[in-house]
């Protein structure tokens, strides 16, 4: 018998309306945090190095990048982060697919 994969588990879990609703709600947050980390690494910076550039503490960068963080960063913070890693921030609104 084949062991279920993570994708099997995810597919089954997303069949539950309450799980799917929460998943959709969190998608943008997870995407943002993933992009922050990817761009920092692409710029060749550690969290500590980025913290120095942004005149803050490493723990603040860690919290900003953490998917478990309960805080929502200010847009100006994300803009400063983007600039520090050599990017510009663009925000797009995409219509829901029903």
PDB file of N, CA and C in Angstrom:
ATOM      1  N   UNK A   1       0.836  -1.193   0.000  1.00  0.00           N
ATOM      2  CA  UNK A   1       0.000   0.000   0.000  1.00  0.00           C
ATOM      3  C   UNK A   1       0.882   1.259   0.000  1.00  0.00           C
ATOM      4  N   UNK A   2       0.590   2.172  -0.888  1.00  0.00           N
ATOM      5  CA  UNK A   2       1.356   3.413  -1.048  1.00  0.00           C
ATOM      6  C   UNK A   2       1.049   4.369   0.116  1.00  0.00           C
ATOM      7  N   UNK A   3       2.114   4.928   0.688  1.00  0.00           N
ATOM      8  CA  UNK A   3       1.932   5.917   1.751  1.00  0.00           C
ATOM      9  C   UNK A   3       1.404   7.212   1.158  1.00  0.00           C
ATOM     10  N   UNK A   4       0.444   7.852   1.839  1.00  0.00           N
ATOM     11  CA  UNK A   4      -0.063   9.126   1.314  1.00  0.00           C
ATOM     12  C   UNK A   4       1.041  10.193   1.340  1.00  0.00           C
ATOM     13  N   UNK A   5       1.056  11.009   0.329  1.00  0.00           N
ATOM     14  CA  UNK A   5       2.023  12.105   0.252  1.00  0.00           C
ATOM     15  C   UNK A   5       1.411  13.355   0.869  1.00  0.00           C
ATOM     16  N   UNK A   6       2.238  14.380   1.018  1.00  0.00           N
ATOM     17  CA  UNK A   6       1.730  15.652   1.513  1.00  0.00           C
ATOM     18  C   UNK A   6       0.651  16.195   0.579  1.00  0.00           C
ATOM     19  N   UNK A   7       0.875  16.055  -0.737  1.00  0.00           N
ATOM     20  CA  UNK A   7      -0.114  16.546  -1.707  1.00  0.00           C
ATOM     21  C   UNK A   7      -1.437  15.797  -1.576  1.00  0.00           C
ATOM     22  N   UNK A   8      -1.378  14.488  -1.282  1.00  0.00           N
ATOM     23  CA  UNK A   8      -2.599  13.712  -1.045  1.00  0.00           C
ATOM     24  C   UNK A   8      -3.337  14.268   0.167  1.00  0.00           C
ATOM     25  N   UNK A   9      -2.574  14.506   1.233  1.00  0.00           N
ATOM     26  CA  UNK A   9      -3.155  15.052   2.469  1.00  0.00           C
ATOM     27  C   UNK A   9      -3.786  16.427   2.203  1.00  0.00           C
ATOM     28  N   UNK A  10      -3.043  17.281   1.492  1.00  0.00           N
ATOM     29  CA  UNK A  10      -3.523  18.635   1.196  1.00  0.00           C
ATOM     30  C   UNK A  10      -4.799  18.591   0.364  1.00  0.00           C
ATOM     31  N   UNK A  11      -4.800  17.758  -0.665  1.00  0.00           N
ATOM     32  CA  UNK A  11      -5.973  17.634  -1.539  1.00  0.00           C
ATOM     33  C   UNK A  11      -7.206  17.211  -0.732  1.00  0.00           C
ATOM     34  N   UNK A  12      -7.021  16.238   0.154  1.00  0.00           N
ATOM     35  CA  UNK A  12      -8.135  15.751   0.980  1.00  0.00           C
ATOM     36  C   UNK A  12      -8.593  16.833   1.965  1.00  0.00           C
ATOM     37  N   UNK A  13      -7.631  17.504   2.589  1.00  0.00           N
ATOM     38  CA  UNK A  13      -7.964  18.546   3.567  1.00  0.00           C
ATOM     39  C   UNK A  13      -8.717  19.700   2.912  1.00  0.00           C
ATOM     40  N   UNK A  14      -8.314  20.069   1.689  1.00  0.00           N
ATOM     41  CA  UNK A  14      -8.950  21.216   1.018  1.00  0.00           C
ATOM     42  C   UNK A  14     -10.361  20.913   0.524  1.00  0.00           C
ATOM     43  N   UNK A  15     -10.781  19.672   0.634  1.00  0.00           N
ATOM     44  CA  UNK A  15     -12.169  19.327   0.296  1.00  0.00           C
ATOM     45  C   UNK A  15     -13.125  19.804   1.382  1.00  0.00           C
ATOM     46  N   UNK A  16     -12.597  20.069   2.573  1.00  0.00           N
ATOM     47  CA  UNK A  16     -13.412  20.578   3.679  1.00  0.00           C
ATOM     48  C   UNK A  16     -13.536  22.090   3.524  1.00  0.00           C
ATOM     49  N   UNK A  17     -14.769  22.596   3.441  1.00  0.00           N
ATOM     50  CA  UNK A  17     -14.961  24.036   3.195  1.00  0.00           C
ATOM     51  C   UNK A  17     -14.251  24.944   4.197  1.00  0.00           C
ATOM     52  N   UNK A  18     -14.263  24.586   5.481  1.00  0.00           N
ATOM     53  CA  UNK A  18     -13.638  25.452   6.486  1.00  0.00           C
ATOM     54  C   UNK A  18     -12.110  25.470   6.337  1.00  0.00           C
ATOM     55  N   UNK A  19     -11.542  24.364   5.941  1.00  0.00           N
ATOM     56  CA  UNK A  19     -10.093  24.293   5.718  1.00  0.00           C
ATOM     57  C   UNK A  19      -9.733  25.094   4.475  1.00  0.00           C
ATOM     58  N   UNK A  20     -10.517  24.933   3.422  1.00  0.00           N
ATOM     59  CA  UNK A  20     -10.241  25.654   2.175  1.00  0.00           C
ATOM     60  C   UNK A  20     -10.339  27.163   2.390  1.00  0.00           C
ATOM     61  N   UNK A  21     -11.331  27.601   3.162  1.00  0.00           N
ATOM     62  CA  UNK A  21     -11.505  29.030   3.424  1.00  0.00           C
ATOM     63  C   UNK A  21     -10.274  29.594   4.144  1.00  0.00           C
ATOM     64  N   UNK A  22      -9.795  28.882   5.153  1.00  0.00           N
ATOM     65  CA  UNK A  22      -8.621  29.324   5.903  1.00  0.00           C
ATOM     66  C   UNK A  22      -7.369  29.302   5.022  1.00  0.00           C
ATOM     67  N   UNK A  23      -7.243  28.291   4.193  1.00  0.00           N
ATOM     68  CA  UNK A  23      -6.103  28.165   3.273  1.00  0.00           C
ATOM     69  C   UNK A  23      -6.067  29.363   2.329  1.00  0.00           C
ATOM     70  N   UNK A  24      -7.196  29.709   1.754  1.00  0.00           N
ATOM     71  CA  UNK A  24      -7.277  30.842   0.832  1.00  0.00           C
ATOM     72  C   UNK A  24      -6.939  32.141   1.562  1.00  0.00           C
ATOM     73  N   UNK A  25      -7.418  32.273   2.796  1.00  0.00           N
ATOM     74  CA  UNK A  25      -7.150  33.467   3.588  1.00  0.00           C
ATOM     75  C   UNK A  25      -5.660  33.647   3.847  1.00  0.00           C
ATOM     76  N   UNK A  26      -4.950  32.553   4.084  1.00  0.00           N
ATOM     77  CA  UNK A  26      -3.533  32.619   4.432  1.00  0.00           C
ATOM     78  C   UNK A  26      -2.587  32.603   3.237  1.00  0.00           C
ATOM     79  N   UNK A  27      -3.094  32.342   2.055  1.00  0.00           N
ATOM     80  CA  UNK A  27      -2.245  32.215   0.871  1.00  0.00           C
ATOM     81  C   UNK A  27      -1.385  33.452   0.631  1.00  0.00           C
ATOM     82  N   UNK A  28      -1.953  34.639   0.717  1.00  0.00           N
ATOM     83  CA  UNK A  28      -1.185  35.868   0.460  1.00  0.00           C
ATOM     84  C   UNK A  28      -0.086  36.054   1.496  1.00  0.00           C
ATOM     85  N   UNK A  29      -0.384  35.748   2.753  1.00  0.00           N
ATOM     86  CA  UNK A  29       0.605  35.886   3.821  1.00  0.00           C
ATOM     87  C   UNK A  29       1.789  34.957   3.583  1.00  0.00           C
ATOM     88  N   UNK A  30       1.508  33.698   3.290  1.00  0.00           N
ATOM     89  CA  UNK A  30       2.577  32.735   3.032  1.00  0.00           C
ATOM     90  C   UNK A  30       3.389  33.134   1.803  1.00  0.00           C
ATOM     91  N   UNK A  31       2.717  33.596   0.781  1.00  0.00           N
ATOM     92  CA  UNK A  31       3.401  34.010  -0.442  1.00  0.00           C
ATOM     93  C   UNK A  31       4.340  35.177  -0.164  1.00  0.00           C
ATOM     94  N   UNK A  32       3.873  36.165   0.590  1.00  0.00           N
ATOM     95  CA  UNK A  32       4.708  37.323   0.918  1.00  0.00           C
ATOM     96  C   UNK A  32       5.944  36.890   1.688  1.00  0.00           C
ATOM     97  N   UNK A  33       5.755  36.096   2.727  1.00  0.00           N
ATOM     98  CA  UNK A  33       6.889  35.675   3.554  1.00  0.00           C
ATOM     99  C   UNK A  33       7.903  34.881   2.719  1.00  0.00           C
ATOM    100  N   UNK A  34       7.400  34.024   1.836  1.00  0.00           N
ATOM    101  CA  UNK A  34       8.279  33.229   0.982  1.00  0.00           C
ATOM    102  C   UNK A  34       9.089  34.146   0.055  1.00  0.00           C
ATOM    103  N   UNK A  35       8.439  35.157  -0.512  1.00  0.00           N
ATOM    104  CA  UNK A  35       9.127  36.091  -1.406  1.00  0.00           C
ATOM    105  C   UNK A  35      10.170  36.918  -0.662  1.00  0.00           C
ATOM    106  N   UNK A  36       9.858  37.304   0.573  1.00  0.00           N
ATOM    107  CA  UNK A  36      10.829  38.061   1.363  1.00  0.00           C
ATOM    108  C   UNK A  36      12.114  37.251   1.524  1.00  0.00           C
ATOM    109  N   UNK A  37      11.957  35.995   1.948  1.00  0.00           N
ATOM    110  CA  UNK A  37      13.119  35.137   2.172  1.00  0.00           C
ATOM    111  C   UNK A  37      13.878  34.889   0.874  1.00  0.00           C
ATOM    112  N   UNK A  38      13.156  34.559  -0.193  1.00  0.00           N
ATOM    113  CA  UNK A  38      13.798  34.283  -1.480  1.00  0.00           C
ATOM    114  C   UNK A  38      14.608  35.476  -1.969  1.00  0.00           C
ATOM    115  N   UNK A  39      14.054  36.673  -1.839  1.00  0.00           N
ATOM    116  CA  UNK A  39      14.756  37.863  -2.317  1.00  0.00           C
ATOM    117  C   UNK A  39      15.941  38.229  -1.434  1.00  0.00           C
ATOM    118  N   UNK A  40      15.822  37.995  -0.136  1.00  0.00           N
ATOM    119  CA  UNK A  40      16.965  38.245   0.754  1.00  0.00           C
ATOM    120  C   UNK A  40      18.115  37.300   0.392  1.00  0.00           C
ATOM    121  N   UNK A  41      17.778  36.025   0.195  1.00  0.00           N
ATOM    122  CA  UNK A  41      18.812  35.045  -0.145  1.00  0.00           C
ATOM    123  C   UNK A  41      19.423  35.345  -1.514  1.00  0.00           C
ATOM    124  N   UNK A  42      18.584  35.754  -2.461  1.00  0.00           N
ATOM    125  CA  UNK A  42      19.074  36.106  -3.805  1.00  0.00           C
ATOM    126  C   UNK A  42      20.040  37.293  -3.733  1.00  0.00           C
ATOM    127  N   UNK A  43      19.781  38.188  -2.782  1.00  0.00           N
ATOM    128  CA  UNK A  43      20.674  39.345  -2.598  1.00  0.00           C
ATOM    129  C   UNK A  43      21.939  38.947  -1.839  1.00  0.00           C
ATOM    130  N   UNK A  44      22.001  37.702  -1.379  1.00  0.00           N
ATOM    131  CA  UNK A  44      23.181  37.213  -0.675  1.00  0.00           C
ATOM    132  C   UNK A  44      23.312  37.740   0.737  1.00  0.00           C
ATOM    133  N   UNK A  45      22.169  38.053   1.363  1.00  0.00           N
ATOM    134  CA  UNK A  45      22.190  38.634   2.707  1.00  0.00           C
ATOM    135  C   UNK A  45      21.671  37.656   3.755  1.00  0.00           C
ATOM    136  N   UNK A  46      22.286  37.699   4.919  1.00  0.00           N
ATOM    137  CA  UNK A  46      21.745  36.973   6.070  1.00  0.00           C
ATOM    138  C   UNK A  46      20.723  37.886   6.743  1.00  0.00           C
ATOM    139  N   UNK A  47      19.962  37.332   7.658  1.00  0.00           N
ATOM    140  CA  UNK A  47      19.019  38.170   8.400  1.00  0.00           C
ATOM    141  C   UNK A  47      19.769  39.246   9.181  1.00  0.00           C
ATOM    142  N   UNK A  48      20.906  38.880   9.725  1.00  0.00           N
ATOM    143  CA  UNK A  48      21.702  39.831  10.505  1.00  0.00           C
ATOM    144  C   UNK A  48      22.218  40.980   9.627  1.00  0.00           C
ATOM    145  N   UNK A  49      22.707  40.652   8.438  1.00  0.00           N
ATOM    146  CA  UNK A  49      23.200  41.684   7.519  1.00  0.00           C
ATOM    147  C   UNK A  49      22.073  42.614   7.083  1.00  0.00           C
ATOM    148  N   UNK A  50      20.918  42.041   6.793  1.00  0.00           N
ATOM    149  CA  UNK A  50      19.769  42.857   6.387  1.00  0.00           C
ATOM    150  C   UNK A  50      19.315  43.748   7.539  1.00  0.00           C
ATOM    151  N   UNK A  51      19.343  43.216   8.749  1.00  0.00           N
ATOM    152  CA  UNK A  51      18.959  44.004   9.918  1.00  0.00           C
ATOM    153  C   UNK A  51      19.855  45.236  10.054  1.00  0.00           C
ATOM    154  N   UNK A  52      21.159  45.082   9.816  1.00  0.00           N
ATOM    155  CA  UNK A  52      22.080  46.220   9.896  1.00  0.00           C
ATOM    156  C   UNK A  52      21.731  47.273   8.849  1.00  0.00           C
ATOM    157  N   UNK A  53      21.426  46.822   7.626  1.00  0.00           N
ATOM    158  CA  UNK A  53      21.061  47.753   6.554  1.00  0.00           C
ATOM    159  C   UNK A  53      19.810  48.538   6.923  1.00  0.00           C
ATOM    160  N   UNK A  54      18.853  47.840   7.545  1.00  0.00           N
ATOM    161  CA  UNK A  54      17.570  48.467   7.886  1.00  0.00           C
ATOM    162  C   UNK A  54      17.561  49.103   9.279  1.00  0.00           C
ATOM    163  N   UNK A  55      18.723  49.101   9.941  1.00  0.00           N
ATOM    164  CA  UNK A  55      18.848  49.692  11.279  1.00  0.00           C
ATOM    165  C   UNK A  55      17.829  49.098  12.250  1.00  0.00           C
ATOM    166  N   UNK A  56      17.820  47.787  12.290  1.00  0.00           N
ATOM    167  CA  UNK A  56      16.906  47.090  13.188  1.00  0.00           C
ATOM    168  C   UNK A  56      17.630  45.871  13.742  1.00  0.00           C
ATOM    169  N   UNK A  57      16.916  45.033  14.457  1.00  0.00           N
ATOM    170  CA  UNK A  57      17.490  43.825  15.046  1.00  0.00           C
ATOM    171  C   UNK A  57      17.186  42.621  14.171  1.00  0.00           C
ATOM    172  N   UNK A  58      18.070  41.616  14.256  1.00  0.00           N
ATOM    173  CA  UNK A  58      17.873  40.369  13.525  1.00  0.00           C
ATOM    174  C   UNK A  58      16.527  39.746  13.893  1.00  0.00           C
ATOM    175  N   UNK A  59      16.127  39.842  15.156  1.00  0.00           N
ATOM    176  CA  UNK A  59      14.855  39.256  15.595  1.00  0.00           C
ATOM    177  C   UNK A  59      13.669  39.881  14.866  1.00  0.00           C
ATOM    178  N   UNK A  60      13.780  41.160  14.493  1.00  0.00           N
ATOM    179  CA  UNK A  60      12.701  41.800  13.737  1.00  0.00           C
ATOM    180  C   UNK A  60      12.618  41.254  12.317  1.00  0.00           C
ATOM    181  N   UNK A  61      13.781  40.981  11.713  1.00  0.00           N
ATOM    182  CA  UNK A  61      13.791  40.395  10.371  1.00  0.00           C
ATOM    183  C   UNK A  61      13.224  38.985  10.442  1.00  0.00           C
ATOM    184  N   UNK A  62      13.628  38.245  11.442  1.00  0.00           N
ATOM    185  CA  UNK A  62      13.134  36.883  11.629  1.00  0.00           C
ATOM    186  C   UNK A  62      11.611  36.872  11.788  1.00  0.00           C
ATOM    187  N   UNK A  63      11.101  37.782  12.583  1.00  0.00           N
ATOM    188  CA  UNK A  63       9.653  37.871  12.801  1.00  0.00           C
ATOM    189  C   UNK A  63       8.939  38.262  11.509  1.00  0.00           C
ATOM    190  N   UNK A  64       9.521  39.166  10.756  1.00  0.00           N
ATOM    191  CA  UNK A  64       8.936  39.609   9.485  1.00  0.00           C
ATOM    192  C   UNK A  64       8.832  38.455   8.496  1.00  0.00           C
ATOM    193  N   UNK A  65       9.843  37.583   8.486  1.00  0.00           N
ATOM    194  CA  UNK A  65       9.877  36.469   7.542  1.00  0.00           C
ATOM    195  C   UNK A  65       9.128  35.230   8.031  1.00  0.00           C
ATOM    196  N   UNK A  66       8.766  35.188   9.290  1.00  0.00           N
ATOM    197  CA  UNK A  66       8.156  33.990   9.864  1.00  0.00           C
ATOM    198  C   UNK A  66       6.681  33.840   9.489  1.00  0.00           C
ATOM    199  N   UNK A  67       6.322  32.664   8.982  1.00  0.00           N
ATOM    200  CA  UNK A  67       4.920  32.409   8.649  1.00  0.00           C
ATOM    201  C   UNK A  67       4.080  32.254   9.906  1.00  0.00           C
ATOM    202  N   UNK A  68       4.735  32.053  11.048  1.00  0.00           N
ATOM    203  CA  UNK A  68       4.011  31.901  12.310  1.00  0.00           C
ATOM    204  C   UNK A  68       3.822  33.213  13.046  1.00  0.00           C
ATOM    205  N   UNK A  69       4.356  34.289  12.484  1.00  0.00           N
ATOM    206  CA  UNK A  69       4.248  35.590  13.124  1.00  0.00           C
ATOM    207  C   UNK A  69       2.799  36.057  13.148  1.00  0.00           C
ATOM    208  N   UNK A  70       2.416  36.612  14.265  1.00  0.00           N
ATOM    209  CA  UNK A  70       1.046  37.112  14.414  1.00  0.00           C
ATOM    210  C   UNK A  70       0.928  38.583  14.024  1.00  0.00           C
ATOM    211  N   UNK A  71       2.066  39.212  13.729  1.00  0.00           N
ATOM    212  CA  UNK A  71       2.030  40.626  13.360  1.00  0.00           C
ATOM    213  C   UNK A  71       1.908  40.775  11.849  1.00  0.00           C
ATOM    214  N   UNK A  72       1.316  41.859  11.449  1.00  0.00           N
ATOM    215  CA  UNK A  72       1.250  42.204  10.026  1.00  0.00           C
ATOM    216  C   UNK A  72       2.167  43.397   9.817  1.00  0.00           C
ATOM    217  N   UNK A  73       3.190  43.242   8.989  1.00  0.00           N
ATOM    218  CA  UNK A  73       4.125  44.347   8.790  1.00  0.00           C
ATOM    219  C   UNK A  73       3.469  45.514   8.066  1.00  0.00           C
ATOM    220  N   UNK A  74       3.968  46.715   8.374  1.00  0.00           N
ATOM    221  CA  UNK A  74       3.485  47.899   7.669  1.00  0.00           C
ATOM    222  C   UNK A  74       4.007  47.865   6.240  1.00  0.00           C
ATOM    223  N   UNK A  75       3.266  48.454   5.347  1.00  0.00           N
ATOM    224  CA  UNK A  75       3.673  48.524   3.943  1.00  0.00           C
ATOM    225  C   UNK A  75       5.024  49.216   3.806  1.00  0.00           C
ATOM    226  N   UNK A  76       5.252  50.250   4.582  1.00  0.00           N
ATOM    227  CA  UNK A  76       6.537  50.963   4.508  1.00  0.00           C
ATOM    228  C   UNK A  76       7.694  50.047   4.903  1.00  0.00           C
ATOM    229  N   UNK A  77       7.480  49.135   5.831  1.00  0.00           N
ATOM    230  CA  UNK A  77       8.516  48.178   6.233  1.00  0.00           C
ATOM    231  C   UNK A  77       8.841  47.234   5.084  1.00  0.00           C
ATOM    232  N   UNK A  78       7.813  46.766   4.401  1.00  0.00           N
ATOM    233  CA  UNK A  78       8.023  45.858   3.267  1.00  0.00           C
ATOM    234  C   UNK A  78       8.718  46.598   2.122  1.00  0.00           C
ATOM    235  N   UNK A  79       8.367  47.860   1.928  1.00  0.00           N
ATOM    236  CA  UNK A  79       9.030  48.662   0.888  1.00  0.00           C
ATOM    237  C   UNK A  79      10.516  48.845   1.204  1.00  0.00           C
ATOM    238  N   UNK A  80      10.840  49.115   2.459  1.00  0.00           N
ATOM    239  CA  UNK A  80      12.236  49.273   2.864  1.00  0.00           C
ATOM    240  C   UNK A  80      12.992  47.958   2.693  1.00  0.00           C
ATOM    241  N   UNK A  81      12.364  46.861   3.057  1.00  0.00           N
ATOM    242  CA  UNK A  81      12.957  45.525   2.911  1.00  0.00           C
ATOM    243  C   UNK A  81      13.264  45.271   1.436  1.00  0.00           C
ATOM    244  N   UNK A  82      12.284  45.544   0.564  1.00  0.00           N
ATOM    245  CA  UNK A  82      12.460  45.328  -0.871  1.00  0.00           C
ATOM    246  C   UNK A  82      13.638  46.143  -1.401  1.00  0.00           C
ATOM    247  N   UNK A  83      13.711  47.389  -1.027  1.00  0.00           N
ATOM    248  CA  UNK A  83      14.803  48.256  -1.483  1.00  0.00           C
ATOM    249  C   UNK A  83      16.152  47.723  -1.005  1.00  0.00           C
ATOM    250  N   UNK A  84      16.211  47.253   0.241  1.00  0.00           N
ATOM    251  CA  UNK A  84      17.462  46.760   0.818  1.00  0.00           C
ATOM    252  C   UNK A  84      17.969  45.504   0.115  1.00  0.00           C
ATOM    253  N   UNK A  85      17.057  44.714  -0.462  1.00  0.00           N
ATOM    254  CA  UNK A  85      17.480  43.494  -1.172  1.00  0.00           C
ATOM    255  C   UNK A  85      17.536  43.708  -2.681  1.00  0.00           C
ATOM    256  N   UNK A  86      17.467  44.973  -3.099  1.00  0.00           N
ATOM    257  CA  UNK A  86      17.634  45.301  -4.515  1.00  0.00           C
ATOM    258  C   UNK A  86      16.386  45.105  -5.351  1.00  0.00           C
ATOM    259  N   UNK A  87      15.238  45.226  -4.726  1.00  0.00           N
ATOM    260  CA  UNK A  87      13.969  45.047  -5.453  1.00  0.00           C
ATOM    261  C   UNK A  87      13.090  46.271  -5.270  1.00  0.00           C
ATOM    262  N   UNK A  88      12.052  46.348  -6.078  1.00  0.00           N
ATOM    263  CA  UNK A  88      11.008  47.339  -5.842  1.00  0.00           C
ATOM    264  C   UNK A  88       9.731  46.561  -5.577  1.00  0.00           C
ATOM    265  N   UNK A  89       8.878  47.122  -4.784  1.00  0.00           N
ATOM    266  CA  UNK A  89       7.643  46.457  -4.408  1.00  0.00           C
ATOM    267  C   UNK A  89       6.533  46.831  -5.373  1.00  0.00           C
ATOM    268  N   UNK A  90       5.844  45.825  -5.880  1.00  0.00           N
ATOM    269  CA  UNK A  90       4.654  46.035  -6.702  1.00  0.00           C
ATOM    270  C   UNK A  90       3.527  45.234  -6.078  1.00  0.00           C
ATOM    271  N   UNK A  91       2.361  45.821  -6.018  1.00  0.00           N
ATOM    272  CA  UNK A  91       1.195  45.138  -5.461  1.00  0.00           C
ATOM    273  C   UNK A  91       0.142  45.053  -6.548  1.00  0.00           C
ATOM    274  N   UNK A  92      -0.403  43.875  -6.722  1.00  0.00           N
ATOM    275  CA  UNK A  92      -1.418  43.655  -7.746  1.00  0.00           C
ATOM    276  C   UNK A  92      -2.672  43.064  -7.123  1.00  0.00           C
ATOM    277  N   UNK A  93      -3.805  43.513  -7.575  1.00  0.00           N
ATOM    278  CA  UNK A  93      -5.072  42.926  -7.167  1.00  0.00           C
ATOM    279  C   UNK A  93      -5.522  42.003  -8.271  1.00  0.00           C
ATOM    280  N   UNK A  94      -5.883  40.798  -7.911  1.00  0.00           N
ATOM    281  CA  UNK A  94      -6.295  39.781  -8.872  1.00  0.00           C
ATOM    282  C   UNK A  94      -7.718  39.354  -8.540  1.00  0.00           C
ATOM    283  N   UNK A  95      -8.639  39.396  -9.517  1.00  0.00           N
ATOM    284  CA  UNK A  95     -10.011  38.994  -9.230  1.00  0.00           C
ATOM    285  C   UNK A  95     -10.079  37.539  -8.797  1.00  0.00           C
ATOM    286  N   UNK A  96     -11.008  37.259  -7.889  1.00  0.00           N
ATOM    287  CA  UNK A  96     -11.235  35.870  -7.456  1.00  0.00           C
ATOM    288  C   UNK A  96     -11.787  35.073  -8.615  1.00  0.00           C
ATOM    289  N   UNK A  97     -11.385  33.818  -8.671  1.00  0.00           N
ATOM    290  CA  UNK A  97     -11.953  32.896  -9.657  1.00  0.00           C
ATOM    291  C   UNK A  97     -13.054  32.131  -8.954  1.00  0.00           C
ATOM    292  N   UNK A  98     -14.258  32.287  -9.402  1.00  0.00           N
ATOM    293  CA  UNK A  98     -15.388  31.597  -8.760  1.00  0.00           C
ATOM    294  C   UNK A  98     -15.720  30.315  -9.443  1.00  0.00           C
TER     295      UNK A  98
END
